[in-house]
């Protein structure tokens, strides 16, 4: 089917941001189709079943439908439960069970909200997809490469979670909220007469609606308790106690260790193969660098030879300077100018050139 350059699919969660994005595109003359994705089966994930307010929830689907009725645009709910389970939920579980701390939203953005949505866009003859993200999509006149830039409102900047988007995905993306603040989005929602103008934000992972990872893993991993039993808690090479299941711990964690000590202890490492959690002191969390794989480059095709960049190692990280270099195998090495605390395998590292995303990857370990 030939693509219509004015037709756009808007991913609608039922929240303020995606609703305002759809309304603005309608106002700008686009032919807008609202799409809400069903990403999990409520009976499979447990917790606050059918009563959560996250994106992809039943409440979210109903709110999105009402917004589309107000805007006079079509709304469809599409079932991505199978592909979401394979690419996001199973990844989340496998990461925790291997001792890592995953960021499933990064996987969802690349593989579900964009890759699968673009397939729907092609089926419906739409040139673009759009989301209610606070970020910019830009194209370099020099290289022709597409990349993400931070939004104007640093409190809502979502560039960190978008590092995995492909060049094709970026070339077909519209972000109407690029220069907005959250306050402006709510004001626009009121101006358009949308019922969700004062709807609170949702921060939990959609398929863990009660935000209880321990409960979720217990319910979804076969023989979970048996796999967690007898785990050693180790300090300076000595066993000082037993942990409550390695999958419940993450690097930098202080609370819930279950042992008393004369000084504060923190999780330094989670070793799934030996059912071991290594703990240490605050200064032991400092490291000079990291390695990452699963690299996706945006602004530049590579960083062979290396360059100084700003590096974020977690979502709320403000970013620090580091020397970054990529190799021919798609791996990234980062050497911090000053030691960083609690580098966590499984989390994303995102590298910036000013406000522009150069690329990102999944942290595999410390230098």
Protein backbone atom coordinates (compact mmCIF):
# COMPACT_ATOMS: atom_id res chain seq x y z
CA UNK A 1 0.00 0.00 0.00
CA UNK A 2 1.29 3.45 -0.89
CA UNK A 3 2.07 5.61 2.15
CA UNK A 4 0.13 8.81 2.76
CA UNK A 5 2.56 11.50 3.95
CA UNK A 6 -0.19 13.18 6.02
CA UNK A 7 -1.44 10.00 7.70
CA UNK A 8 0.04 9.22 11.10
CA UNK A 9 -0.52 6.49 13.68
CA UNK A 10 -0.38 7.83 17.23
CA UNK A 11 0.44 5.40 19.99
CA UNK A 12 -2.11 6.28 22.67
CA UNK A 13 -1.79 5.08 26.26
CA UNK A 14 -4.78 7.04 27.54
CA UNK A 15 -2.47 9.47 29.31
CA UNK A 16 -2.05 13.22 28.92
CA UNK A 17 1.05 13.20 26.72
CA UNK A 18 -0.07 10.86 23.94
CA UNK A 19 -3.55 12.40 23.95
CA UNK A 20 -2.19 15.90 23.46
CA UNK A 21 0.19 14.63 20.76
CA UNK A 22 -2.81 13.28 18.84
CA UNK A 23 -4.79 16.50 19.31
CA UNK A 24 -1.91 18.68 18.10
CA UNK A 25 -1.42 16.55 14.98
CA UNK A 26 -5.13 16.80 14.19
CA UNK A 27 -4.86 20.57 14.59
CA UNK A 28 -1.85 20.59 12.26
CA UNK A 29 -3.87 18.93 9.52
CA UNK A 30 -2.68 15.34 9.77
CA UNK A 31 -4.98 12.39 9.22
CA UNK A 32 -4.61 10.81 12.66
CA UNK A 33 -5.37 7.23 13.65
CA UNK A 34 -5.21 6.40 17.35
CA UNK A 35 -3.64 3.04 18.23
CA UNK A 36 -3.57 1.51 21.71
CA UNK A 37 -1.53 -1.63 22.13
CA UNK A 38 -2.46 -4.51 24.40
CA UNK A 39 0.89 -5.83 25.58
CA UNK A 40 0.13 -8.44 28.21
CA UNK A 41 -2.58 -10.74 29.47
CA UNK A 42 -3.68 -9.60 32.90
CA UNK A 43 -4.09 -13.14 34.17
CA UNK A 44 -0.47 -13.90 33.25
CA UNK A 45 1.25 -11.10 35.18
CA UNK A 46 -0.71 -11.05 38.45
CA UNK A 47 -0.62 -8.15 40.88
CA UNK A 48 -3.20 -5.41 40.61
CA UNK A 49 -5.03 -7.21 37.82
CA UNK A 50 -7.47 -5.14 35.77
CA UNK A 51 -7.29 -2.22 38.17
CA UNK A 52 -3.99 -0.57 37.28
CA UNK A 53 -3.49 2.83 35.68
CA UNK A 54 -0.35 2.12 33.69
CA UNK A 55 -0.03 2.44 29.96
CA UNK A 56 -1.56 -0.54 28.14
CA UNK A 57 -4.02 -1.14 31.02
CA UNK A 58 -7.78 -1.54 30.59
CA UNK A 59 -8.30 1.94 32.03
CA UNK A 60 -5.73 3.30 29.59
CA UNK A 61 -7.44 1.67 26.63
CA UNK A 62 -10.82 3.12 27.64
CA UNK A 63 -9.35 6.60 28.21
CA UNK A 64 -7.64 6.53 24.81
CA UNK A 65 -10.91 5.55 23.14
CA UNK A 66 -12.73 8.46 24.80
CA UNK A 67 -10.05 10.92 23.71
CA UNK A 68 -10.30 9.73 20.11
CA UNK A 69 -14.06 10.16 20.21
CA UNK A 70 -13.58 13.74 21.42
CA UNK A 71 -11.09 14.43 18.62
CA UNK A 72 -13.25 12.74 16.00
CA UNK A 73 -10.58 10.28 14.91
CA UNK A 74 -10.62 6.47 14.61
CA UNK A 75 -9.25 4.36 17.45
CA UNK A 76 -8.04 0.79 17.32
CA UNK A 77 -6.74 -1.58 19.99
CA UNK A 78 -4.15 -4.00 18.64
CA UNK A 79 -3.02 -7.18 20.34
CA UNK A 80 0.77 -7.37 20.68
CA UNK A 81 0.72 -9.76 23.64
CA UNK A 82 2.68 -12.57 21.96
CA UNK A 83 5.47 -10.43 20.53
CA UNK A 84 5.60 -8.36 23.72
CA UNK A 85 5.97 -11.45 25.89
CA UNK A 86 8.77 -12.78 23.70
CA UNK A 87 10.73 -9.55 23.36
CA UNK A 88 10.02 -7.69 26.61
CA UNK A 89 8.58 -9.83 29.42
CA UNK A 90 10.82 -12.85 28.73
CA UNK A 91 13.81 -10.51 28.39
CA UNK A 92 12.95 -8.92 31.73
CA UNK A 93 12.71 -12.30 33.45
CA UNK A 94 15.84 -13.72 31.79
CA UNK A 95 17.87 -10.65 32.74
CA UNK A 96 16.94 -10.84 36.41
CA UNK A 97 17.54 -14.58 36.45
CA UNK A 98 21.03 -14.03 35.02
CA UNK A 99 21.87 -11.50 37.74
CA UNK A 100 21.36 -8.33 35.69
CA UNK A 101 18.98 -5.41 36.24
CA UNK A 102 17.11 -4.82 32.96
CA UNK A 103 15.37 -1.78 31.52
CA UNK A 104 12.41 -3.30 29.64
CA UNK A 105 11.11 0.07 28.41
CA UNK A 106 14.13 0.39 26.09
CA UNK A 107 13.29 -2.97 24.50
CA UNK A 108 9.62 -2.04 24.26
CA UNK A 109 10.39 1.26 22.56
CA UNK A 110 12.55 -0.29 19.86
CA UNK A 111 10.74 -3.56 19.20
CA UNK A 112 7.11 -2.84 20.07
CA UNK A 113 6.22 0.85 20.09
CA UNK A 114 8.22 1.46 16.93
CA UNK A 115 9.04 -1.75 15.04
CA UNK A 116 5.61 -3.35 15.43
CA UNK A 117 3.78 -0.03 15.16
CA UNK A 118 5.53 0.72 11.87
CA UNK A 119 4.24 -2.59 10.52
CA UNK A 120 0.73 -1.40 11.39
CA UNK A 121 1.48 1.95 9.79
CA UNK A 122 2.50 0.22 6.57
CA UNK A 123 -0.67 -1.88 6.62
CA UNK A 124 -2.75 1.28 6.99
CA UNK A 125 -0.77 3.32 4.47
CA UNK A 126 0.60 5.76 7.04
CA UNK A 127 3.97 7.44 6.58
CA UNK A 128 4.52 8.29 10.24
CA UNK A 129 4.09 7.11 13.80
CA UNK A 130 3.93 9.46 16.74
CA UNK A 131 4.23 9.20 20.50
CA UNK A 132 3.86 11.66 23.35
CA UNK A 133 7.59 11.77 24.16
CA UNK A 134 9.47 14.86 25.30
CA UNK A 135 12.38 14.66 22.87
CA UNK A 136 13.41 15.90 19.43
CA UNK A 137 14.03 13.91 16.26
CA UNK A 138 16.70 15.53 14.11
CA UNK A 139 18.59 14.76 10.90
CA UNK A 140 22.19 15.71 10.19
CA UNK A 141 22.55 17.61 6.91
CA UNK A 142 26.17 16.47 6.75
CA UNK A 143 25.80 12.72 7.29
CA UNK A 144 22.11 12.20 6.64
CA UNK A 145 21.82 10.28 9.92
CA UNK A 146 18.82 10.60 12.19
CA UNK A 147 19.16 11.03 15.94
CA UNK A 148 17.35 11.95 19.14
CA UNK A 149 17.98 15.16 21.09
CA UNK A 150 16.93 15.98 24.62
CA UNK A 151 13.61 17.78 25.05
CA UNK A 152 13.45 21.32 26.39
CA UNK A 153 12.04 20.23 29.75
CA UNK A 154 14.92 18.35 31.38
CA UNK A 155 12.57 17.08 34.10
CA UNK A 156 10.66 15.17 31.42
CA UNK A 157 13.50 14.43 29.01
CA UNK A 158 13.00 10.93 27.61
CA UNK A 159 15.98 10.69 25.28
CA UNK A 160 17.66 8.12 27.56
CA UNK A 161 14.99 5.49 26.87
CA UNK A 162 15.00 6.05 23.09
CA UNK A 163 18.61 5.19 22.25
CA UNK A 164 17.62 1.88 20.62
CA UNK A 165 15.52 3.32 17.79
CA UNK A 166 16.69 2.45 14.28
CA UNK A 167 17.39 4.96 11.54
CA UNK A 168 14.19 3.96 9.72
CA UNK A 169 12.13 4.32 12.88
CA UNK A 170 13.53 7.80 13.52
CA UNK A 171 12.94 8.90 9.93
CA UNK A 172 9.23 8.09 10.32
CA UNK A 173 8.66 9.59 13.79
CA UNK A 174 6.85 12.77 14.83
CA UNK A 175 7.19 14.21 18.35
CA UNK A 176 4.68 17.07 18.75
CA UNK A 177 5.67 17.61 22.41
CA UNK A 178 9.38 18.25 21.72
CA UNK A 179 9.41 21.78 23.11
CA UNK A 180 6.71 21.28 25.75
CA UNK A 181 6.73 21.13 29.51
CA UNK A 182 4.34 18.84 31.36
CA UNK A 183 2.44 21.90 32.55
CA UNK A 184 1.97 23.07 28.97
CA UNK A 185 0.74 19.62 27.94
CA UNK A 186 -1.91 19.67 30.67
CA UNK A 187 -2.95 23.16 29.60
CA UNK A 188 -3.27 21.99 26.00
CA UNK A 189 -5.31 18.98 27.10
CA UNK A 190 -7.71 21.36 28.83
CA UNK A 191 -7.82 23.60 25.75
CA UNK A 192 -8.82 20.63 23.60
CA UNK A 193 -11.47 19.62 26.14
CA UNK A 194 -9.89 16.25 26.88
CA UNK A 195 -11.18 14.41 29.93
CA UNK A 196 -7.69 13.20 30.91
CA UNK A 197 -6.25 16.73 31.43
CA UNK A 198 -5.68 16.14 35.15
CA UNK A 199 -4.93 12.41 34.98
CA UNK A 200 -1.95 11.49 37.18
CA UNK A 201 1.21 10.05 35.64
CA UNK A 202 2.17 6.40 35.82
CA UNK A 203 5.75 5.37 36.54
CA UNK A 204 5.66 1.61 37.13
CA UNK A 205 6.54 -0.98 34.51
CA UNK A 206 3.26 -1.72 32.75
CA UNK A 207 3.26 -5.50 33.23
CA UNK A 208 4.24 -5.20 36.91
CA UNK A 209 1.34 -2.96 37.85
CA UNK A 210 1.80 -3.41 41.61
CA UNK A 211 5.50 -2.55 41.23
CA UNK A 212 6.39 -5.71 43.15
CA UNK A 213 9.18 -7.38 41.18
CA UNK A 214 9.64 -10.05 43.84
CA UNK A 215 6.00 -11.10 43.55
CA UNK A 216 6.14 -10.98 39.75
CA UNK A 217 9.23 -13.21 39.50
CA UNK A 218 7.83 -15.62 42.08
CA UNK A 219 4.62 -15.93 40.07
CA UNK A 220 6.19 -16.27 36.63
CA UNK A 221 9.44 -18.23 37.07
CA UNK A 222 9.02 -21.98 37.43
CA UNK A 223 10.49 -23.33 40.70
CA UNK A 224 11.62 -19.80 41.59
CA UNK A 225 11.96 -20.47 45.32
CA UNK A 226 14.09 -23.56 44.72
CA UNK A 227 16.44 -21.61 42.48
CA UNK A 228 16.88 -18.90 45.11
CA UNK A 229 17.55 -21.10 48.16
CA UNK A 230 20.88 -21.29 49.95
CA UNK A 231 22.42 -18.23 48.38
CA UNK A 232 25.55 -16.78 49.99
CA UNK A 233 26.04 -13.16 50.99
CA UNK A 234 29.77 -12.43 50.68
CA UNK A 235 31.92 -9.59 52.06
CA UNK A 236 35.67 -9.43 51.40
CA UNK A 237 35.62 -13.05 50.28
CA UNK A 238 33.93 -14.27 53.46
CA UNK A 239 30.37 -15.55 53.81
CA UNK A 240 28.48 -13.32 56.26
CA UNK A 241 24.96 -14.66 55.74
CA UNK A 242 22.38 -15.92 53.28
CA UNK A 243 20.47 -13.74 50.84
CA UNK A 244 16.75 -14.03 50.04
CA UNK A 245 17.20 -14.72 46.33
CA UNK A 246 19.79 -13.15 44.04
CA UNK A 247 17.12 -11.91 41.63
CA UNK A 248 15.88 -9.52 44.34
CA UNK A 249 19.14 -7.56 44.47
CA UNK A 250 20.71 -4.92 42.29
CA UNK A 251 24.05 -3.12 42.31
CA UNK A 252 24.04 -0.21 44.76
CA UNK A 253 21.22 -1.58 46.90
CA UNK A 254 21.60 -0.94 50.64
CA UNK A 255 18.28 -1.84 52.25
CA UNK A 256 16.97 -5.38 52.64
CA UNK A 257 20.32 -7.17 52.87
CA UNK A 258 19.24 -9.03 56.02
CA UNK A 259 22.55 -8.71 57.88
CA UNK A 260 23.86 -6.30 60.49
CA UNK A 261 27.32 -4.81 60.19
CA UNK A 262 29.30 -2.06 61.88
CA UNK A 263 29.27 0.02 58.67
CA UNK A 264 26.73 0.39 55.83
CA UNK A 265 26.93 -2.32 53.18
CA UNK A 266 25.86 -2.18 49.55
CA UNK A 267 25.40 -4.74 46.79
CA UNK A 268 28.49 -4.78 44.56
CA UNK A 269 27.77 -7.75 42.34
CA UNK A 270 25.11 -10.40 41.68
CA UNK A 271 26.49 -13.74 40.47
CA UNK A 272 23.61 -15.94 39.35
CA UNK A 273 25.81 -18.90 38.38
CA UNK A 274 26.95 -19.44 41.99
CA UNK A 275 23.84 -17.99 43.68
CA UNK A 276 26.03 -15.33 45.31
CA UNK A 277 25.47 -11.69 46.22
CA UNK A 278 28.68 -9.76 46.87
CA UNK A 279 28.46 -6.77 49.20
CA UNK A 280 30.91 -4.06 50.19
CA UNK A 281 31.33 -0.47 51.32
CA UNK A 282 30.16 2.66 49.56
CA UNK A 283 33.61 3.41 48.15
CA UNK A 284 33.70 -0.08 46.64
CA UNK A 285 30.88 0.94 44.29
CA UNK A 286 33.12 3.41 42.47
CA UNK A 287 34.52 2.35 39.11
CA UNK A 288 36.65 3.92 36.39
CA UNK A 289 34.68 2.70 33.40
CA UNK A 290 32.36 0.18 31.80
CA UNK A 291 31.78 -2.04 28.82
CA UNK A 292 28.53 -2.36 26.88
CA UNK A 293 27.16 -4.38 23.97
CA UNK A 294 23.95 -4.39 21.88
CA UNK A 295 25.11 -1.00 20.63
CA UNK A 296 22.89 1.25 18.51
CA UNK A 297 24.48 4.33 16.99
CA UNK A 298 22.50 7.42 16.06
CA UNK A 299 24.27 10.73 15.40
CA UNK A 300 27.56 9.11 14.39
CA UNK A 301 28.01 5.76 12.69
CA UNK A 302 30.85 4.79 15.06
CA UNK A 303 33.35 6.16 17.59
CA UNK A 304 36.44 4.28 16.46
CA UNK A 305 39.43 6.15 17.81
CA UNK A 306 37.22 7.49 20.60
CA UNK A 307 36.06 10.91 21.75
CA UNK A 308 34.95 12.69 24.89
CA UNK A 309 31.18 12.51 25.47
CA UNK A 310 28.61 13.03 28.18
CA UNK A 311 27.47 9.68 29.55
CA UNK A 312 24.31 8.66 31.41
CA UNK A 313 24.27 5.29 33.18
CA UNK A 314 20.69 5.43 34.47
CA UNK A 315 17.48 7.30 33.67
CA UNK A 316 17.76 9.99 36.37
CA UNK A 317 21.51 10.41 35.91
CA UNK A 318 22.44 14.00 35.02
CA UNK A 319 25.36 12.73 32.94
CA UNK A 320 29.13 12.95 33.39
CA UNK A 321 32.10 13.32 31.04
CA UNK A 322 33.90 10.23 29.77
CA UNK A 323 36.07 9.00 26.91
CA UNK A 324 34.01 6.67 24.71
CA UNK A 325 35.17 4.29 21.99
CA UNK A 326 33.44 1.68 19.83
CA UNK A 327 34.98 -1.36 18.17
CA UNK A 328 34.22 -3.26 14.98
CA UNK A 329 32.11 -5.82 16.86
CA UNK A 330 29.54 -3.29 18.05
CA UNK A 331 30.88 -2.95 21.60
CA UNK A 332 31.39 0.22 23.59
CA UNK A 333 34.11 1.05 26.12
CA UNK A 334 33.61 4.02 28.45
CA UNK A 335 36.38 5.50 30.62
CA UNK A 336 35.06 8.03 33.09
CA UNK A 337 36.97 11.24 33.76
CA UNK A 338 36.01 10.78 37.43
CA UNK A 339 34.90 7.48 39.03
CA UNK A 340 31.19 6.73 38.84
CA UNK A 341 29.08 4.97 41.45
CA UNK A 342 27.00 1.80 41.03
CA UNK A 343 27.49 0.91 37.38
CA UNK A 344 24.83 -1.78 36.92
CA UNK A 345 24.94 -4.62 34.36
CA UNK A 346 21.71 -4.81 32.38
CA UNK A 347 21.02 -1.08 32.55
CA UNK A 348 21.48 1.22 29.56
CA UNK A 349 24.44 3.51 28.97
CA UNK A 350 23.63 6.43 26.69
CA UNK A 351 26.28 8.74 25.23
CA UNK A 352 25.61 12.35 24.24
CA UNK A 353 27.19 15.06 22.15
CA UNK A 354 25.77 18.05 24.00
CA UNK A 355 22.02 17.41 23.90
CA UNK A 356 22.23 14.96 20.98
CA UNK A 357 22.18 11.20 21.47
CA UNK A 358 25.23 9.61 19.85
CA UNK A 359 24.08 6.11 20.74
CA UNK A 360 23.66 3.63 23.55
CA UNK A 361 24.03 0.05 24.66
CA UNK A 362 23.47 -2.44 27.47
CA UNK A 363 26.04 -2.41 30.26
CA UNK A 364 27.82 -5.77 30.55
CA UNK A 365 30.35 -4.95 33.26
CA UNK A 366 32.87 -2.62 34.83
CA UNK A 367 36.45 -1.96 33.74
